[in-house]
Amino acid sequence: MSYATGAELPSELLHRIVVLCRAAILSHDGETETFGKKGLAACSLTCRYWAIIIRPKLFETLVLRSYQDAAQLASFLTTPTTLEPSIQEYIRSIEISLCEPARFSETSWVHLVDLCRRIPSLAHNSSITWDRGLNLTMKGVQEGGSNLKQSMRSDTLLPATVLPRTVPVSSLRLKKLVLSDLTLRSVRDLIRFITSLHTWEKASLDIERITFLQGLREADRTQPRRRHGGSNVFMRHCFDKSHFADALRLAIILAGAHSIVEGARGFWLAEQFMLAFPWQDEPEIPAINIWRAKVQGGA
């Protein structure tokens, strides 16, 4: 009986092996997926042949949780390699996880994700298709109750070094941005952060469980200096119903639409956007959704 080498195995079987090594592991709540990559990384070190096969899946989705993670990624991106293509070509999604309060006492590290210079496949370039855009996620501490929220408030407040006026990825073509479980000083800081992303157009913005420390009415009376081409906005569990006007105004600004027209089918934002707020019998606003749509007025 002869044994088949890796080079003789069918490509479908090799792909299946890689997928199983990168098997998704559901967390205890059954909602969050994390990827176990230890087995995949070990396989990539066996030989050059396996490294070429495995690297696309190994670097496709990255989660950065600390300064060390970001520094290691920067090291990978700047280290010369004889393997082609380089790992920059494989990165499709980056999650910046700020879930542990202790991280905020460390050296600021988000600026190390300087992808606009080191990942040409994600840079803003007319030759790059939209599907190659980057998914960027920033997650904070999930609220487990009012006491936890109060005790963690100072730790989850993003300092200026983490949420600056102009972020290093501002020249990237972002496909999706997710901000969840964060505490910000004001809505103005959020607007400034979003509008600093110069390629933020026709993308998807998910905002969930964001707490603002300052009064909404005082913080929201400002227009962004630069108007953008518009994006899809999905805002969930950020405001109670008493602040509906403030929530709606924020969603309109972030979507890039600047007027509301009421028609037979509900609310239309200008002529390019649709608005929905599927409320339930809850004290807070479950969701405000604004998305781009080619629509015409009428019944």
C-alpha atoms as a PDB file:
ATOM      1  CA  MET A   1       0.000   0.000   0.000  1.00  0.00           C
ATOM      2  CA  SER A   2       1.480   3.310  -1.030  1.00  0.00           C
ATOM      3  CA  TYR A   3       1.036   6.515   0.952  1.00  0.00           C
ATOM      4  CA  ALA A   4      -0.063   9.734  -0.739  1.00  0.00           C
ATOM      5  CA  THR A   5       1.962  12.857  -0.129  1.00  0.00           C
ATOM      6  CA  GLY A   6       0.375  16.236   0.532  1.00  0.00           C
ATOM      7  CA  ALA A   7       0.998  17.263  -3.052  1.00  0.00           C
ATOM      8  CA  GLU A   8      -0.976  14.250  -4.292  1.00  0.00           C
ATOM      9  CA  LEU A   9      -4.073  14.851  -2.168  1.00  0.00           C
ATOM     10  CA  PRO A  10      -7.083  16.358  -3.964  1.00  0.00           C
ATOM     11  CA  SER A  11      -7.376  20.106  -3.488  1.00  0.00           C
ATOM     12  CA  GLU A  12     -10.920  19.683  -2.088  1.00  0.00           C
ATOM     13  CA  LEU A  13      -9.601  17.407   0.664  1.00  0.00           C
ATOM     14  CA  LEU A  14      -6.794  19.807   1.531  1.00  0.00           C
ATOM     15  CA  HIS A  15      -9.282  22.654   1.760  1.00  0.00           C
ATOM     16  CA  ARG A  16     -11.492  20.587   4.068  1.00  0.00           C
ATOM     17  CA  ILE A  17      -8.544  19.830   6.346  1.00  0.00           C
ATOM     18  CA  VAL A  18      -7.728  23.527   6.607  1.00  0.00           C
ATOM     19  CA  VAL A  19     -11.350  24.406   7.370  1.00  0.00           C
ATOM     20  CA  LEU A  20     -11.516  21.802  10.148  1.00  0.00           C
ATOM     21  CA  CYS A  21      -8.266  23.052  11.670  1.00  0.00           C
ATOM     22  CA  ARG A  22      -9.791  26.522  11.763  1.00  0.00           C
ATOM     23  CA  ALA A  23     -13.066  25.210  13.159  1.00  0.00           C
ATOM     24  CA  ALA A  24     -15.407  27.805  14.633  1.00  0.00           C
ATOM     25  CA  ILE A  25     -15.922  27.531  18.383  1.00  0.00           C
ATOM     26  CA  LEU A  26     -19.133  28.961  19.813  1.00  0.00           C
ATOM     27  CA  SER A  27     -18.838  30.781  23.116  1.00  0.00           C
ATOM     28  CA  HIS A  28     -21.014  29.945  26.106  1.00  0.00           C
ATOM     29  CA  ASP A  29     -23.756  32.365  25.023  1.00  0.00           C
ATOM     30  CA  GLY A  30     -23.986  30.691  21.628  1.00  0.00           C
ATOM     31  CA  GLU A  31     -23.702  33.985  19.791  1.00  0.00           C
ATOM     32  CA  THR A  32     -20.059  34.956  19.478  1.00  0.00           C
ATOM     33  CA  GLU A  33     -17.766  33.014  17.184  1.00  0.00           C
ATOM     34  CA  THR A  34     -14.078  32.784  17.879  1.00  0.00           C
ATOM     35  CA  PHE A  35     -11.617  30.892  15.775  1.00  0.00           C
ATOM     36  CA  GLY A  36      -9.131  28.423  17.185  1.00  0.00           C
ATOM     37  CA  LYS A  37      -5.987  28.870  15.106  1.00  0.00           C
ATOM     38  CA  LYS A  38      -3.411  26.992  17.144  1.00  0.00           C
ATOM     39  CA  GLY A  39      -3.820  23.823  15.110  1.00  0.00           C
ATOM     40  CA  LEU A  40      -3.763  25.796  11.895  1.00  0.00           C
ATOM     41  CA  ALA A  41      -0.598  27.651  12.862  1.00  0.00           C
ATOM     42  CA  ALA A  42       1.112  24.386  13.794  1.00  0.00           C
ATOM     43  CA  CYS A  43       0.254  22.884  10.404  1.00  0.00           C
ATOM     44  CA  SER A  44       1.650  25.916   8.598  1.00  0.00           C
ATOM     45  CA  LEU A  45       5.046  25.306  10.209  1.00  0.00           C
ATOM     46  CA  THR A  46       5.417  21.739   8.953  1.00  0.00           C
ATOM     47  CA  CYS A  47       6.668  22.664   5.502  1.00  0.00           C
ATOM     48  CA  ARG A  48       6.616  25.332   2.823  1.00  0.00           C
ATOM     49  CA  TYR A  49       3.878  23.515   0.924  1.00  0.00           C
ATOM     50  CA  TRP A  50       1.457  23.568   3.866  1.00  0.00           C
ATOM     51  CA  ALA A  51       2.354  27.161   4.694  1.00  0.00           C
ATOM     52  CA  ILE A  52       1.235  28.330   1.255  1.00  0.00           C
ATOM     53  CA  ILE A  53      -2.056  26.434   1.567  1.00  0.00           C
ATOM     54  CA  ILE A  54      -2.872  27.467   5.124  1.00  0.00           C
ATOM     55  CA  ARG A  55      -1.884  31.147   5.217  1.00  0.00           C
ATOM     56  CA  PRO A  56      -5.045  32.441   3.466  1.00  0.00           C
ATOM     57  CA  LYS A  57      -7.285  30.989   6.198  1.00  0.00           C
ATOM     58  CA  LEU A  58      -4.832  31.770   8.971  1.00  0.00           C
ATOM     59  CA  PHE A  59      -4.766  35.513   8.272  1.00  0.00           C
ATOM     60  CA  GLU A  60      -8.215  36.048   6.751  1.00  0.00           C
ATOM     61  CA  THR A  61      -9.787  37.071  10.085  1.00  0.00           C
ATOM     62  CA  LEU A  62      -7.666  38.693  12.802  1.00  0.00           C
ATOM     63  CA  VAL A  63      -8.562  39.660  16.379  1.00  0.00           C
ATOM     64  CA  LEU A  64      -6.309  42.157  18.170  1.00  0.00           C
ATOM     65  CA  ARG A  65      -6.755  42.250  21.944  1.00  0.00           C
ATOM     66  CA  SER A  66      -3.588  43.940  23.180  1.00  0.00           C
ATOM     67  CA  TYR A  67      -0.474  45.911  22.340  1.00  0.00           C
ATOM     68  CA  GLN A  68       1.369  42.617  21.878  1.00  0.00           C
ATOM     69  CA  ASP A  69      -1.148  41.417  19.279  1.00  0.00           C
ATOM     70  CA  ALA A  70      -0.904  44.645  17.287  1.00  0.00           C
ATOM     71  CA  ALA A  71       2.890  44.700  17.508  1.00  0.00           C
ATOM     72  CA  GLN A  72       3.067  41.095  16.301  1.00  0.00           C
ATOM     73  CA  LEU A  73       0.846  41.902  13.332  1.00  0.00           C
ATOM     74  CA  ALA A  74       3.022  44.904  12.479  1.00  0.00           C
ATOM     75  CA  SER A  75       6.073  42.637  12.683  1.00  0.00           C
ATOM     76  CA  PHE A  76       4.501  40.083  10.337  1.00  0.00           C
ATOM     77  CA  LEU A  77       3.624  42.782   7.824  1.00  0.00           C
ATOM     78  CA  THR A  78       7.115  44.290   7.755  1.00  0.00           C
ATOM     79  CA  THR A  79       9.197  41.093   7.835  1.00  0.00           C
ATOM     80  CA  PRO A  80      10.547  40.072   4.407  1.00  0.00           C
ATOM     81  CA  THR A  81       9.388  36.653   3.215  1.00  0.00           C
ATOM     82  CA  THR A  82      10.112  34.447   0.251  1.00  0.00           C
ATOM     83  CA  LEU A  83       6.540  33.163   0.136  1.00  0.00           C
ATOM     84  CA  GLU A  84       4.227  34.743  -2.407  1.00  0.00           C
ATOM     85  CA  PRO A  85       1.789  36.337  -2.145  1.00  0.00           C
ATOM     86  CA  SER A  86       2.497  38.133   1.123  1.00  0.00           C
ATOM     87  CA  ILE A  87       0.117  37.844   4.062  1.00  0.00           C
ATOM     88  CA  GLN A  88      -1.167  41.379   3.398  1.00  0.00           C
ATOM     89  CA  GLU A  89      -3.147  39.958   0.498  1.00  0.00           C
ATOM     90  CA  TYR A  90      -5.111  37.601   2.745  1.00  0.00           C
ATOM     91  CA  ILE A  91      -6.432  39.936   5.457  1.00  0.00           C
ATOM     92  CA  ARG A  92     -10.140  40.626   5.079  1.00  0.00           C
ATOM     93  CA  SER A  93     -11.387  41.353   8.597  1.00  0.00           C
ATOM     94  CA  ILE A  94      -9.830  42.872  11.711  1.00  0.00           C
ATOM     95  CA  GLU A  95     -11.492  43.057  15.107  1.00  0.00           C
ATOM     96  CA  ILE A  96     -10.024  45.424  17.694  1.00  0.00           C
ATOM     97  CA  SER A  97     -11.250  43.999  20.993  1.00  0.00           C
ATOM     98  CA  LEU A  98     -11.168  46.313  24.014  1.00  0.00           C
ATOM     99  CA  CYS A  99     -13.005  43.916  26.303  1.00  0.00           C
ATOM    100  CA  GLU A 100     -10.579  43.856  29.221  1.00  0.00           C
ATOM    101  CA  PRO A 101     -10.469  47.055  31.315  1.00  0.00           C
ATOM    102  CA  ALA A 102      -6.813  46.460  32.195  1.00  0.00           C
ATOM    103  CA  ARG A 103      -5.904  47.082  28.584  1.00  0.00           C
ATOM    104  CA  PHE A 104      -6.549  50.795  29.038  1.00  0.00           C
ATOM    105  CA  SER A 105      -3.666  51.107  31.480  1.00  0.00           C
ATOM    106  CA  GLU A 106      -1.295  49.793  28.848  1.00  0.00           C
ATOM    107  CA  THR A 107       0.465  51.730  26.138  1.00  0.00           C
ATOM    108  CA  SER A 108      -1.877  52.943  23.421  1.00  0.00           C
ATOM    109  CA  TRP A 109      -1.697  50.489  20.540  1.00  0.00           C
ATOM    110  CA  VAL A 110      -4.543  51.086  18.095  1.00  0.00           C
ATOM    111  CA  HIS A 111      -2.277  53.356  16.050  1.00  0.00           C
ATOM    112  CA  LEU A 112      -0.146  50.288  15.255  1.00  0.00           C
ATOM    113  CA  VAL A 113      -2.903  49.057  12.965  1.00  0.00           C
ATOM    114  CA  ASP A 114      -1.441  51.251  10.243  1.00  0.00           C
ATOM    115  CA  LEU A 115      -2.939  49.194   7.447  1.00  0.00           C
ATOM    116  CA  CYS A 116      -3.176  52.003   4.914  1.00  0.00           C
ATOM    117  CA  ARG A 117       0.566  51.720   4.232  1.00  0.00           C
ATOM    118  CA  ARG A 118       1.182  48.030   4.826  1.00  0.00           C
ATOM    119  CA  ILE A 119      -1.786  46.279   3.230  1.00  0.00           C
ATOM    120  CA  PRO A 120      -1.969  47.418  -0.389  1.00  0.00           C
ATOM    121  CA  SER A 121      -4.845  45.060  -1.138  1.00  0.00           C
ATOM    122  CA  LEU A 122      -7.005  47.068   1.262  1.00  0.00           C
ATOM    123  CA  ALA A 123      -5.800  50.542   0.339  1.00  0.00           C
ATOM    124  CA  HIS A 124      -8.095  53.004  -1.377  1.00  0.00           C
ATOM    125  CA  ASN A 125      -7.419  52.313  -5.013  1.00  0.00           C
ATOM    126  CA  SER A 126      -9.715  52.414  -8.019  1.00  0.00           C
ATOM    127  CA  SER A 127      -8.401  49.033  -9.142  1.00  0.00           C
ATOM    128  CA  ILE A 128      -9.522  47.366  -5.907  1.00  0.00           C
ATOM    129  CA  THR A 129     -13.026  45.951  -5.926  1.00  0.00           C
ATOM    130  CA  TRP A 130     -15.447  46.824  -3.142  1.00  0.00           C
ATOM    131  CA  ASP A 131     -15.568  43.210  -1.941  1.00  0.00           C
ATOM    132  CA  ARG A 132     -11.958  43.514  -0.850  1.00  0.00           C
ATOM    133  CA  GLY A 133     -12.860  46.184   1.680  1.00  0.00           C
ATOM    134  CA  LEU A 134     -11.985  45.757   5.332  1.00  0.00           C
ATOM    135  CA  ASN A 135     -14.394  44.790   8.112  1.00  0.00           C
ATOM    136  CA  LEU A 136     -13.302  46.654  11.251  1.00  0.00           C
ATOM    137  CA  THR A 137     -14.790  45.918  14.685  1.00  0.00           C
ATOM    138  CA  MET A 138     -14.204  47.740  17.976  1.00  0.00           C
ATOM    139  CA  LYS A 139     -15.742  46.033  21.001  1.00  0.00           C
ATOM    140  CA  GLY A 140     -15.802  47.060  24.648  1.00  0.00           C
ATOM    141  CA  VAL A 141     -17.070  45.508  27.858  1.00  0.00           C
ATOM    142  CA  GLN A 142     -20.507  43.960  27.650  1.00  0.00           C
ATOM    143  CA  GLU A 143     -22.935  45.225  30.255  1.00  0.00           C
ATOM    144  CA  GLY A 144     -23.872  42.572  32.800  1.00  0.00           C
ATOM    145  CA  GLY A 145     -25.978  44.794  35.031  1.00  0.00           C
ATOM    146  CA  SER A 146     -26.190  48.330  36.375  1.00  0.00           C
ATOM    147  CA  ASN A 147     -23.536  47.735  39.052  1.00  0.00           C
ATOM    148  CA  LEU A 148     -21.071  46.379  36.508  1.00  0.00           C
ATOM    149  CA  LYS A 149     -21.790  49.254  34.169  1.00  0.00           C
ATOM    150  CA  GLN A 150     -21.158  51.799  36.915  1.00  0.00           C
ATOM    151  CA  SER A 151     -17.926  50.156  38.084  1.00  0.00           C
ATOM    152  CA  MET A 152     -16.555  49.793  34.567  1.00  0.00           C
ATOM    153  CA  ARG A 153     -17.581  53.211  33.303  1.00  0.00           C
ATOM    154  CA  SER A 154     -14.183  54.857  33.743  1.00  0.00           C
ATOM    155  CA  ASP A 155     -12.408  51.842  32.259  1.00  0.00           C
ATOM    156  CA  THR A 156     -14.520  51.559  29.132  1.00  0.00           C
ATOM    157  CA  LEU A 157     -14.391  55.267  28.320  1.00  0.00           C
ATOM    158  CA  LEU A 158     -12.266  55.477  25.205  1.00  0.00           C
ATOM    159  CA  PRO A 159      -9.423  57.975  25.589  1.00  0.00           C
ATOM    160  CA  ALA A 160      -8.473  60.308  22.755  1.00  0.00           C
ATOM    161  CA  THR A 161      -5.514  58.068  21.877  1.00  0.00           C
ATOM    162  CA  VAL A 162      -7.889  55.201  21.068  1.00  0.00           C
ATOM    163  CA  LEU A 163     -10.647  57.122  19.305  1.00  0.00           C
ATOM    164  CA  PRO A 164      -8.762  60.056  17.733  1.00  0.00           C
ATOM    165  CA  ARG A 165     -10.024  62.643  15.295  1.00  0.00           C
ATOM    166  CA  THR A 166      -8.222  60.975  12.401  1.00  0.00           C
ATOM    167  CA  VAL A 167      -7.529  57.271  12.717  1.00  0.00           C
ATOM    168  CA  PRO A 168      -4.622  55.465  10.987  1.00  0.00           C
ATOM    169  CA  VAL A 169      -7.063  53.477   8.861  1.00  0.00           C
ATOM    170  CA  SER A 170      -8.764  56.613   7.567  1.00  0.00           C
ATOM    171  CA  SER A 171      -7.517  56.035   4.013  1.00  0.00           C
ATOM    172  CA  LEU A 172      -8.725  52.426   3.858  1.00  0.00           C
ATOM    173  CA  ARG A 173     -11.753  51.290   1.943  1.00  0.00           C
ATOM    174  CA  LEU A 174     -13.945  50.118   4.804  1.00  0.00           C
ATOM    175  CA  LYS A 175     -16.712  47.682   3.993  1.00  0.00           C
ATOM    176  CA  LYS A 176     -18.157  47.416   7.483  1.00  0.00           C
ATOM    177  CA  LEU A 177     -17.520  49.096  10.831  1.00  0.00           C
ATOM    178  CA  VAL A 178     -18.917  47.699  14.081  1.00  0.00           C
ATOM    179  CA  LEU A 179     -18.834  49.637  17.372  1.00  0.00           C
ATOM    180  CA  SER A 180     -20.332  47.863  20.373  1.00  0.00           C
ATOM    181  CA  ASP A 181     -20.335  47.944  24.183  1.00  0.00           C
ATOM    182  CA  LEU A 182     -18.354  51.180  24.386  1.00  0.00           C
ATOM    183  CA  THR A 183     -18.653  54.282  26.563  1.00  0.00           C
ATOM    184  CA  LEU A 184     -18.004  57.605  24.820  1.00  0.00           C
ATOM    185  CA  ARG A 185     -17.885  61.094  26.229  1.00  0.00           C
ATOM    186  CA  SER A 186     -20.408  62.484  23.767  1.00  0.00           C
ATOM    187  CA  VAL A 187     -22.190  61.922  20.488  1.00  0.00           C
ATOM    188  CA  ARG A 188     -19.932  64.589  19.034  1.00  0.00           C
ATOM    189  CA  ASP A 189     -16.925  62.298  19.562  1.00  0.00           C
ATOM    190  CA  LEU A 190     -18.701  59.518  17.679  1.00  0.00           C
ATOM    191  CA  ILE A 191     -19.614  61.797  14.764  1.00  0.00           C
ATOM    192  CA  ARG A 192     -16.048  63.106  14.589  1.00  0.00           C
ATOM    193  CA  PHE A 193     -14.666  59.574  14.534  1.00  0.00           C
ATOM    194  CA  ILE A 194     -17.019  58.324  11.806  1.00  0.00           C
ATOM    195  CA  THR A 195     -16.617  61.350   9.542  1.00  0.00           C
ATOM    196  CA  SER A 196     -12.820  61.110   9.819  1.00  0.00           C
ATOM    197  CA  LEU A 197     -12.972  57.914   7.756  1.00  0.00           C
ATOM    198  CA  HIS A 198     -12.478  59.518   4.361  1.00  0.00           C
ATOM    199  CA  THR A 199     -13.499  56.425   2.392  1.00  0.00           C
ATOM    200  CA  TRP A 200     -16.633  55.870   4.448  1.00  0.00           C
ATOM    201  CA  GLU A 201     -19.191  55.593   1.665  1.00  0.00           C
ATOM    202  CA  LYS A 202     -21.840  53.022   0.801  1.00  0.00           C
ATOM    203  CA  ALA A 203     -20.679  50.891   3.691  1.00  0.00           C
ATOM    204  CA  SER A 204     -22.388  49.383   6.716  1.00  0.00           C
ATOM    205  CA  LEU A 205     -22.186  50.895  10.195  1.00  0.00           C
ATOM    206  CA  ASP A 206     -23.398  48.848  13.168  1.00  0.00           C
ATOM    207  CA  ILE A 207     -23.689  50.658  16.518  1.00  0.00           C
ATOM    208  CA  GLU A 208     -24.876  48.627  19.483  1.00  0.00           C
ATOM    209  CA  ARG A 209     -25.030  49.313  23.231  1.00  0.00           C
ATOM    210  CA  ILE A 210     -23.101  52.604  23.145  1.00  0.00           C
ATOM    211  CA  THR A 211     -23.292  54.774  26.281  1.00  0.00           C
ATOM    212  CA  PHE A 212     -22.777  58.549  26.110  1.00  0.00           C
ATOM    213  CA  LEU A 213     -21.716  60.340  29.301  1.00  0.00           C
ATOM    214  CA  GLN A 214     -22.608  63.893  28.299  1.00  0.00           C
ATOM    215  CA  GLY A 215     -26.084  65.280  27.716  1.00  0.00           C
ATOM    216  CA  LEU A 216     -27.318  64.360  24.271  1.00  0.00           C
ATOM    217  CA  ARG A 217     -29.039  67.617  23.404  1.00  0.00           C
ATOM    218  CA  GLU A 218     -25.951  69.697  24.147  1.00  0.00           C
ATOM    219  CA  ALA A 219     -23.550  67.353  22.386  1.00  0.00           C
ATOM    220  CA  ASP A 220     -25.567  66.829  19.207  1.00  0.00           C
ATOM    221  CA  ARG A 221     -25.999  70.417  18.071  1.00  0.00           C
ATOM    222  CA  THR A 222     -23.201  70.253  15.583  1.00  0.00           C
ATOM    223  CA  GLN A 223     -22.917  69.340  11.938  1.00  0.00           C
ATOM    224  CA  PRO A 224     -19.930  67.360  10.671  1.00  0.00           C
ATOM    225  CA  ARG A 225     -17.417  69.505   8.821  1.00  0.00           C
ATOM    226  CA  ARG A 226     -17.288  67.077   5.938  1.00  0.00           C
ATOM    227  CA  ARG A 227     -20.308  65.406   4.394  1.00  0.00           C
ATOM    228  CA  HIS A 228     -19.861  61.950   2.957  1.00  0.00           C
ATOM    229  CA  GLY A 229     -21.653  59.936   0.321  1.00  0.00           C
ATOM    230  CA  GLY A 230     -23.792  57.969   2.712  1.00  0.00           C
ATOM    231  CA  SER A 231     -23.798  54.601   4.417  1.00  0.00           C
ATOM    232  CA  ASN A 232     -26.149  52.017   5.870  1.00  0.00           C
ATOM    233  CA  VAL A 233     -26.666  52.576   9.599  1.00  0.00           C
ATOM    234  CA  PHE A 234     -28.018  50.038  12.077  1.00  0.00           C
ATOM    235  CA  MET A 235     -28.268  51.454  15.597  1.00  0.00           C
ATOM    236  CA  ARG A 236     -29.480  49.228  18.431  1.00  0.00           C
ATOM    237  CA  HIS A 237     -30.003  49.681  22.161  1.00  0.00           C
ATOM    238  CA  CYS A 238     -28.260  53.042  22.475  1.00  0.00           C
ATOM    239  CA  PHE A 239     -31.130  55.353  23.507  1.00  0.00           C
ATOM    240  CA  ASP A 240     -34.384  55.221  25.419  1.00  0.00           C
ATOM    241  CA  LYS A 241     -37.574  56.440  23.802  1.00  0.00           C
ATOM    242  CA  SER A 242     -37.428  59.819  25.520  1.00  0.00           C
ATOM    243  CA  HIS A 243     -34.401  60.616  23.342  1.00  0.00           C
ATOM    244  CA  PHE A 244     -35.927  59.511  20.056  1.00  0.00           C
ATOM    245  CA  ALA A 245     -35.289  62.874  18.352  1.00  0.00           C
ATOM    246  CA  ASP A 246     -31.609  62.759  19.314  1.00  0.00           C
ATOM    247  CA  ALA A 247     -31.259  59.161  18.158  1.00  0.00           C
ATOM    248  CA  LEU A 248     -32.907  59.933  14.832  1.00  0.00           C
ATOM    249  CA  ARG A 249     -30.729  62.987  14.266  1.00  0.00           C
ATOM    250  CA  LEU A 250     -27.571  60.981  14.986  1.00  0.00           C
ATOM    251  CA  ALA A 251     -28.623  58.206  12.592  1.00  0.00           C
ATOM    252  CA  ILE A 252     -29.335  60.752   9.853  1.00  0.00           C
ATOM    253  CA  ILE A 253     -25.932  62.421  10.256  1.00  0.00           C
ATOM    254  CA  LEU A 254     -24.073  59.103  10.237  1.00  0.00           C
ATOM    255  CA  ALA A 255     -25.993  57.904   7.191  1.00  0.00           C
ATOM    256  CA  GLY A 256     -25.083  61.025   5.241  1.00  0.00           C
ATOM    257  CA  ALA A 257     -28.712  62.007   4.624  1.00  0.00           C
ATOM    258  CA  HIS A 258     -29.814  65.479   5.639  1.00  0.00           C
ATOM    259  CA  SER A 259     -33.577  65.717   5.228  1.00  0.00           C
ATOM    260  CA  ILE A 260     -36.660  63.680   6.099  1.00  0.00           C
ATOM    261  CA  VAL A 261     -39.679  63.307   3.831  1.00  0.00           C
ATOM    262  CA  GLU A 262     -42.826  61.529   5.001  1.00  0.00           C
ATOM    263  CA  GLY A 263     -44.564  59.474   2.324  1.00  0.00           C
ATOM    264  CA  ALA A 264     -47.257  56.850   1.974  1.00  0.00           C
ATOM    265  CA  ARG A 265     -44.786  54.094   2.790  1.00  0.00           C
ATOM    266  CA  GLY A 266     -43.405  55.731   5.905  1.00  0.00           C
ATOM    267  CA  PHE A 267     -40.372  57.939   6.345  1.00  0.00           C
ATOM    268  CA  TRP A 268     -37.890  58.546   3.563  1.00  0.00           C
ATOM    269  CA  LEU A 269     -34.556  60.200   4.119  1.00  0.00           C
ATOM    270  CA  ALA A 270     -34.018  62.417   1.089  1.00  0.00           C
ATOM    271  CA  GLU A 271     -34.522  60.232  -2.018  1.00  0.00           C
ATOM    272  CA  GLN A 272     -31.837  57.635  -1.488  1.00  0.00           C
ATOM    273  CA  PHE A 273     -32.464  56.330   2.009  1.00  0.00           C
ATOM    274  CA  MET A 274     -35.077  54.299   3.838  1.00  0.00           C
ATOM    275  CA  LEU A 275     -35.744  54.542   7.553  1.00  0.00           C
ATOM    276  CA  ALA A 276     -37.201  51.941   9.892  1.00  0.00           C
ATOM    277  CA  PHE A 277     -37.513  51.775  13.662  1.00  0.00           C
ATOM    278  CA  PRO A 278     -39.102  48.419  14.535  1.00  0.00           C
ATOM    279  CA  TRP A 279     -40.066  49.205  18.094  1.00  0.00           C
ATOM    280  CA  GLN A 280     -41.369  46.771  20.636  1.00  0.00           C
ATOM    281  CA  ASP A 281     -43.010  47.410  24.012  1.00  0.00           C
ATOM    282  CA  GLU A 282     -39.693  48.263  25.623  1.00  0.00           C
ATOM    283  CA  PRO A 283     -38.474  51.389  27.450  1.00  0.00           C
ATOM    284  CA  GLU A 284     -35.561  51.803  25.047  1.00  0.00           C
ATOM    285  CA  ILE A 285     -35.416  52.072  21.277  1.00  0.00           C
ATOM    286  CA  PRO A 286     -34.588  48.540  20.057  1.00  0.00           C
ATOM    287  CA  ALA A 287     -33.358  49.675  16.657  1.00  0.00           C
ATOM    288  CA  ILE A 288     -33.168  52.479  14.134  1.00  0.00           C
ATOM    289  CA  ASN A 289     -32.181  51.272  10.683  1.00  0.00           C
ATOM    290  CA  ILE A 290     -31.263  53.491   7.756  1.00  0.00           C
ATOM    291  CA  TRP A 291     -30.127  51.977   4.487  1.00  0.00           C
ATOM    292  CA  ARG A 292     -29.444  53.139   0.983  1.00  0.00           C
ATOM    293  CA  ALA A 293     -32.130  52.238  -1.552  1.00  0.00           C
ATOM    294  CA  LYS A 294     -33.022  53.259  -5.092  1.00  0.00           C
ATOM    295  CA  VAL A 295     -36.552  54.421  -4.494  1.00  0.00           C
ATOM    296  CA  GLN A 296     -39.032  56.810  -6.005  1.00  0.00           C
ATOM    297  CA  GLY A 297     -41.764  58.804  -4.316  1.00  0.00           C
ATOM    298  CA  GLY A 298     -45.371  57.719  -4.438  1.00  0.00           C
ATOM    299  CA  ALA A 299     -47.598  55.099  -2.932  1.00  0.00           C
END
